[in-house]
Protein backbone atom coordinates (compact mmCIF):
# COMPACT_ATOMS: atom_id res chain seq x y z
CA MET A 1 53.57 124.69 -42.19
CA GLN A 2 52.81 127.23 -44.22
CA THR A 3 49.26 127.36 -45.72
CA ASP A 4 48.01 127.75 -49.07
CA SER A 5 45.97 131.17 -49.50
CA ASN A 6 44.13 129.58 -52.04
CA GLN A 7 43.15 126.42 -49.39
CA LYS A 8 39.61 125.87 -48.97
CA ILE A 9 38.09 126.65 -46.05
CA GLU A 10 35.36 124.80 -44.80
CA ASN A 11 32.42 125.93 -42.98
CA THR A 12 32.41 123.06 -40.89
CA ILE A 13 34.66 120.06 -40.13
CA ILE A 14 33.27 117.41 -37.70
CA ILE A 15 35.87 114.99 -36.08
CA GLY A 16 34.17 112.07 -35.25
CA SER A 17 31.82 109.57 -36.83
CA GLY A 18 29.32 107.84 -34.08
CA PRO A 19 25.35 108.81 -34.09
CA ALA A 20 26.56 112.40 -32.78
CA GLY A 21 28.69 113.27 -35.16
CA LEU A 22 26.64 112.06 -37.99
CA THR A 23 23.50 113.90 -37.01
CA ALA A 24 25.73 116.60 -36.94
CA ALA A 25 26.64 116.00 -40.64
CA ILE A 26 23.04 115.72 -41.43
CA TYR A 27 21.87 118.92 -40.05
CA THR A 28 25.00 120.46 -41.32
CA ALA A 29 24.55 119.16 -44.93
CA ARG A 30 20.99 120.02 -44.87
CA ALA A 31 22.20 123.52 -43.71
CA ARG A 32 23.73 124.03 -47.32
CA LEU A 33 27.22 123.88 -44.84
CA GLU A 34 28.77 121.12 -47.08
CA PRO A 35 30.23 119.64 -43.85
CA LEU A 36 33.74 117.50 -43.81
CA MET A 37 33.89 114.91 -41.77
CA ILE A 38 36.80 113.38 -40.55
CA GLU A 39 35.61 110.17 -39.43
CA GLY A 40 38.86 107.91 -38.32
CA GLU A 41 39.86 104.56 -39.38
CA GLU A 42 37.49 102.85 -37.01
CA ALA A 43 34.57 104.64 -37.81
CA GLY A 44 31.31 104.30 -36.71
CA GLY A 45 32.39 104.34 -32.37
CA GLN A 46 31.09 102.08 -30.17
CA LEU A 47 27.95 101.10 -31.95
CA MET A 48 30.26 98.86 -34.14
CA ILE A 49 30.83 96.71 -31.48
CA THR A 50 27.12 96.66 -30.59
CA THR A 51 25.23 93.50 -32.06
CA GLU A 52 21.58 94.12 -31.61
CA VAL A 53 20.21 97.75 -30.90
CA GLU A 54 16.68 97.59 -29.75
CA ASN A 55 16.23 100.99 -27.98
CA TYR A 56 16.92 103.16 -31.04
CA PRO A 57 13.72 104.64 -31.73
CA GLY A 58 12.02 104.00 -35.18
CA PHE A 59 13.66 100.20 -35.12
CA GLU A 60 10.71 98.25 -34.04
CA GLU A 61 12.04 94.87 -34.62
CA GLY A 62 15.72 96.02 -33.33
CA ILE A 63 18.63 96.81 -35.74
CA THR A 64 22.34 95.83 -35.30
CA GLY A 65 24.55 98.65 -34.43
CA PRO A 66 26.73 98.88 -37.51
CA GLU A 67 23.43 98.65 -39.80
CA LEU A 68 22.12 101.67 -37.82
CA ILE A 69 25.93 103.67 -38.46
CA ALA A 70 25.43 102.16 -42.08
CA VAL A 71 21.90 104.08 -42.71
CA MET A 72 22.72 107.25 -40.63
CA ARG A 73 26.18 107.39 -42.86
CA LYS A 74 23.83 107.32 -45.97
CA GLN A 75 21.78 109.71 -44.86
CA ALA A 76 24.54 112.21 -44.28
CA GLU A 77 26.42 111.78 -47.85
CA ARG A 78 22.55 112.23 -49.62
CA PHE A 79 22.61 115.60 -48.14
CA GLY A 80 26.21 115.92 -49.28
CA THR A 81 28.57 115.40 -46.59
CA ARG A 82 32.04 114.52 -47.87
CA TYR A 83 34.15 111.87 -45.61
CA ILE A 84 37.65 111.18 -44.92
CA THR A 85 38.43 107.89 -43.45
CA LYS A 86 41.60 108.93 -41.28
CA ASN A 87 42.37 109.66 -38.15
CA VAL A 88 43.10 113.33 -37.06
CA THR A 89 46.59 113.57 -35.76
CA LYS A 90 46.41 117.48 -34.32
CA VAL A 91 44.57 120.11 -34.06
CA ASP A 92 45.08 124.10 -33.45
CA PHE A 93 42.11 126.31 -32.18
CA SER A 94 44.45 129.41 -31.20
CA GLN A 95 42.97 131.07 -34.18
CA GLN A 96 40.36 131.36 -37.25
CA PRO A 97 40.45 129.60 -39.44
CA PHE A 98 41.01 126.52 -37.15
CA LYS A 99 43.65 124.02 -38.15
CA VAL A 100 42.91 120.08 -38.59
CA TRP A 101 45.74 117.93 -39.73
CA VAL A 102 45.69 114.59 -40.95
CA LYS A 103 49.19 113.59 -40.59
CA ASP A 104 50.98 116.18 -43.41
CA THR A 105 47.88 117.61 -44.78
CA LEU A 106 46.29 120.85 -43.61
CA TYR A 107 42.36 121.03 -43.75
CA LEU A 108 41.12 124.47 -42.40
CA ALA A 109 37.58 125.43 -40.87
CA LYS A 110 35.09 128.32 -39.16
CA SER A 111 33.95 125.94 -37.09
CA VAL A 112 34.32 122.46 -35.71
CA ILE A 113 32.05 119.73 -34.15
CA ILE A 114 34.33 117.47 -31.67
CA SER A 115 32.17 113.91 -31.20
CA THR A 116 35.33 111.60 -31.03
CA GLY A 117 33.40 109.43 -28.56
CA ALA A 118 34.43 107.19 -25.76
CA SER A 119 35.99 103.96 -25.86
CA ALA A 120 35.00 101.41 -22.73
CA LYS A 121 38.20 100.34 -20.63
CA LEU A 122 38.12 96.70 -21.05
CA LEU A 123 40.54 93.78 -19.10
CA GLY A 124 42.81 93.46 -22.05
CA LEU A 125 42.53 90.32 -22.14
CA PRO A 126 42.93 88.35 -26.13
CA SER A 127 39.75 85.99 -24.82
CA GLU A 128 37.72 89.27 -23.77
CA LYS A 129 38.09 90.28 -27.65
CA ALA A 130 37.47 87.24 -29.07
CA PHE A 131 34.11 86.68 -27.13
CA MET A 132 32.70 90.73 -27.23
CA SER A 133 29.05 90.28 -28.22
CA ARG A 134 29.24 86.97 -28.05
CA GLY A 135 28.18 86.84 -24.43
CA VAL A 136 30.92 89.75 -23.38
CA SER A 137 29.22 93.29 -23.19
CA ALA A 138 30.84 96.55 -21.87
CA CYS A 139 27.02 97.85 -21.78
CA ALA A 140 24.30 96.38 -19.67
CA THR A 141 21.45 99.05 -20.78
CA CYS A 142 22.27 98.17 -24.76
CA ASP A 143 22.63 93.91 -24.18
CA GLY A 144 21.25 93.34 -20.83
CA ALA A 145 18.09 92.09 -22.61
CA PHE A 146 19.53 89.00 -24.27
CA PHE A 147 20.51 87.23 -21.05
CA LYS A 148 17.04 86.53 -19.56
CA ASN A 149 17.12 83.71 -16.94
CA VAL A 150 20.74 83.06 -17.51
CA GLU A 151 23.75 83.37 -14.95
CA VAL A 152 26.41 86.24 -15.77
CA GLY A 153 28.86 88.71 -14.01
CA VAL A 154 29.84 92.15 -14.03
CA VAL A 155 33.74 93.24 -13.38
CA GLY A 156 34.03 96.62 -11.39
CA GLY A 157 33.54 98.07 -8.25
CA GLY A 158 32.58 101.70 -8.80
CA ASP A 159 29.16 103.30 -9.61
CA THR A 160 28.66 101.95 -13.12
CA ALA A 161 29.25 98.23 -12.08
CA MET A 162 26.80 98.84 -9.19
CA GLU A 163 24.07 100.48 -11.81
CA GLU A 164 24.94 97.22 -14.68
CA ALA A 165 24.75 94.84 -11.88
CA THR A 166 21.05 96.24 -10.31
CA PHE A 167 20.29 96.70 -14.13
CA LEU A 168 20.80 92.97 -15.09
CA THR A 169 18.72 91.55 -11.62
CA ARG A 170 15.83 92.08 -13.97
CA PHE A 171 16.56 89.81 -16.83
CA ALA A 172 19.56 87.51 -15.23
CA SER A 173 18.71 84.55 -12.93
CA LYS A 174 22.12 85.67 -10.93
CA VAL A 175 24.40 88.26 -11.44
CA TYR A 176 27.77 88.15 -9.46
CA LEU A 177 29.64 91.29 -8.96
CA ILE A 178 33.33 90.35 -9.47
CA HIS A 179 35.89 93.20 -7.83
CA ARG A 180 39.72 92.60 -7.40
CA ARG A 181 39.38 94.59 -4.02
CA ASP A 182 37.87 93.99 -0.72
CA SER A 183 35.73 97.12 -1.03
CA PHE A 184 34.02 99.14 -3.61
CA ARG A 185 34.85 102.74 -4.32
CA ALA A 186 30.90 103.56 -5.54
CA SER A 187 28.83 105.86 -3.63
CA LYS A 188 27.56 104.09 -0.32
CA ILE A 189 23.76 103.74 -1.44
CA MET A 190 24.57 102.15 -4.68
CA VAL A 191 26.56 99.49 -2.44
CA GLU A 192 23.78 99.02 -0.11
CA ARG A 193 21.18 98.32 -2.81
CA VAL A 194 23.43 95.62 -4.87
CA LEU A 195 24.42 93.92 -1.11
CA LYS A 196 20.56 94.08 -0.54
CA ASN A 197 19.73 92.45 -3.64
CA PRO A 198 19.28 88.61 -3.55
CA LYS A 199 20.05 88.39 -6.76
CA ILE A 200 23.56 89.36 -6.43
CA GLN A 201 26.81 87.74 -5.25
CA VAL A 202 29.37 89.92 -4.71
CA LEU A 203 32.97 87.85 -5.37
CA TRP A 204 35.46 90.00 -3.66
CA ASN A 205 39.14 89.78 -3.86
CA THR A 206 38.74 88.44 -7.45
CA GLU A 207 39.81 88.56 -10.95
CA VAL A 208 38.98 87.56 -14.48
CA ILE A 209 41.89 86.23 -15.96
CA GLU A 210 40.30 84.57 -18.69
CA VAL A 211 36.93 84.04 -20.74
CA LEU A 212 36.15 80.48 -21.89
CA GLY A 213 33.70 79.41 -24.63
CA ASP A 214 33.34 77.95 -28.03
CA THR A 215 32.00 78.58 -31.45
CA LYS A 216 28.59 79.26 -29.96
CA GLY A 217 29.89 82.19 -27.58
CA MET A 218 31.34 82.47 -24.01
CA ASN A 219 30.28 79.96 -21.53
CA GLY A 220 32.44 80.58 -18.77
CA VAL A 221 35.41 82.59 -17.20
CA MET A 222 38.65 81.35 -15.15
CA LEU A 223 38.70 83.37 -11.99
CA LYS A 224 41.68 84.12 -9.76
CA ASN A 225 41.74 85.32 -6.13
CA THR A 226 43.72 88.18 -6.04
CA GLU A 227 45.41 87.29 -2.13
CA LYS A 228 45.69 83.71 -2.29
CA GLY A 229 46.16 83.02 -6.03
CA GLU A 230 44.08 79.87 -6.30
CA THR A 231 41.88 79.68 -9.74
CA GLN A 232 38.56 78.35 -10.54
CA LYS A 233 36.30 78.12 -13.36
CA MET A 234 32.72 79.34 -13.42
CA ASP A 235 30.00 78.75 -15.52
CA LEU A 236 28.88 81.69 -16.78
CA GLN A 237 26.50 82.91 -20.16
CA GLY A 238 27.58 86.69 -19.92
CA LEU A 239 30.26 88.93 -19.02
CA PHE A 240 29.77 92.90 -18.62
CA ILE A 241 32.88 94.82 -18.31
CA ALA A 242 32.06 98.04 -15.79
CA ILE A 243 35.35 99.30 -14.80
CA GLY A 244 34.39 102.69 -17.02
CA HIS A 245 35.01 104.51 -19.79
CA LYS A 246 37.82 106.73 -21.36
CA PRO A 247 36.68 109.66 -23.69
CA ASN A 248 38.88 109.80 -26.71
CA THR A 249 40.22 113.49 -26.25
CA ASP A 250 43.91 113.13 -25.84
CA LEU A 251 44.21 115.21 -29.17
CA PHE A 252 42.30 118.47 -27.42
CA LYS A 253 44.38 118.34 -24.20
CA GLY A 254 45.53 121.89 -22.76
CA ILE A 255 43.60 123.16 -25.60
CA LEU A 256 40.16 122.65 -24.51
CA ASP A 257 38.86 122.21 -20.78
CA SER A 258 38.36 118.83 -19.57
CA ASP A 259 37.17 117.06 -16.39
CA GLU A 260 39.08 114.88 -14.48
CA VAL A 261 38.23 111.69 -16.54
CA GLY A 262 39.09 113.74 -19.72
CA TYR A 263 35.23 114.14 -20.68
CA LEU A 264 35.48 117.68 -22.59
CA LYS A 265 33.44 120.48 -20.63
CA THR A 266 30.72 122.46 -22.10
CA LYS A 267 28.78 125.12 -21.15
CA PRO A 268 25.68 123.87 -19.63
CA GLY A 269 22.54 123.03 -21.54
CA THR A 270 24.57 123.84 -24.53
CA THR A 271 27.22 122.00 -26.61
CA GLN A 272 29.76 124.75 -26.51
CA THR A 273 33.21 124.86 -25.28
CA LYS A 274 35.52 127.38 -24.27
CA ILE A 275 36.54 128.84 -27.90
CA PRO A 276 33.52 130.05 -29.44
CA GLY A 277 33.02 128.28 -32.77
CA VAL A 278 34.05 124.57 -31.82
CA PHE A 279 31.44 122.22 -30.54
CA ALA A 280 31.48 119.04 -28.49
CA SER A 281 29.00 116.19 -28.79
CA GLY A 282 27.88 112.69 -27.79
CA ASP A 283 30.17 110.39 -25.24
CA VAL A 284 32.93 112.70 -25.94
CA GLN A 285 31.25 115.24 -23.46
CA ASP A 286 28.73 112.98 -21.70
CA SER A 287 29.51 110.63 -18.85
CA TYR A 288 26.28 110.35 -17.56
CA TYR A 289 23.65 108.89 -20.23
CA ARG A 290 26.41 107.55 -22.80
CA GLN A 291 23.41 106.25 -25.58
CA ALA A 292 23.13 106.49 -29.09
CA ILE A 293 19.65 108.52 -28.75
CA THR A 294 21.69 111.11 -26.41
CA ALA A 295 24.54 111.41 -29.05
CA ALA A 296 22.54 111.71 -31.58
CA GLY A 297 20.25 114.81 -29.67
CA THR A 298 23.58 116.48 -28.67
CA GLY A 299 24.73 115.59 -32.45
CA CYS A 300 21.93 117.84 -33.64
CA MET A 301 22.30 120.86 -30.95
CA ALA A 302 25.91 121.18 -32.02
CA ALA A 303 24.87 120.90 -36.09
CA ILE A 304 22.32 124.14 -34.71
CA GLU A 305 24.84 126.12 -32.97
CA ALA A 306 27.51 125.79 -35.42
CA GLU A 307 24.67 126.79 -38.10
CA ARG A 308 23.37 130.03 -35.68
CA TRP A 309 27.42 130.52 -34.57
CA LEU A 310 28.34 131.20 -38.40
CA GLU A 311 25.60 132.99 -39.31
CA ALA A 312 26.43 135.72 -36.57
CA ASN A 313 30.15 135.41 -36.98
CA HIS A 314 31.05 134.94 -40.79
């Protein structure tokens, strides 16, 4: 595909529109870089499926995920961010200017900030989707406080599941840890903590086959024993899916370095990828904290780094 020699070369293109991308947009826009954000068809990231956000500083009464994204988006727009609500389909970072495609439309940029986020892996049940944010959650630190003195389930067998189950004992009256095998793959110390906790009961060789509920929200699950095939109904007020996250990095395979799960690698203490002028912020490069506030923080870092890099190189 030939590029038109008169085609505008953007100072910076931001791919993705969660808290990381929007913070990067606010900072680059205020630095007069006139950022172009290609926000994706499902704009806003994981906060769009989070009902109440109570741990984001500045909102003493809490705020819903979609509202938080909306105010951030307006703030970025106020300073001159432009938006394309479509998905990036291909990138080429092999030479300057960088190339970013949305289907057949090519955009050129001197720098790129990647903030495509991560998606929680889910069980894939239609009923799970139907009760998402109505009893079903993929983030205990986000939603745990809404489950005071009720019985909840956590699905998973890795470190995330152990952490979520332990965390939820602060609120829930009982936590059932539902695992389809007869042993955990989590680290020993995490497993010991869970097995010692009187509020946690492990259901081995068990999987959730359906989430039950009514117009008010979920009120139970159907469980199946993976060895015997027997099914049973269990009353639960909440279900936390903790089977891991998948970073949205398929676009960058073979172009940028990533770890075994797919999280983009950045130079320690920075948001710089291995390609100068390409930065990664938010959950796309953070497998550890995965909070809206930390994503926003790295979005700020990426914007400042991009601005300084442009100053030095263009």
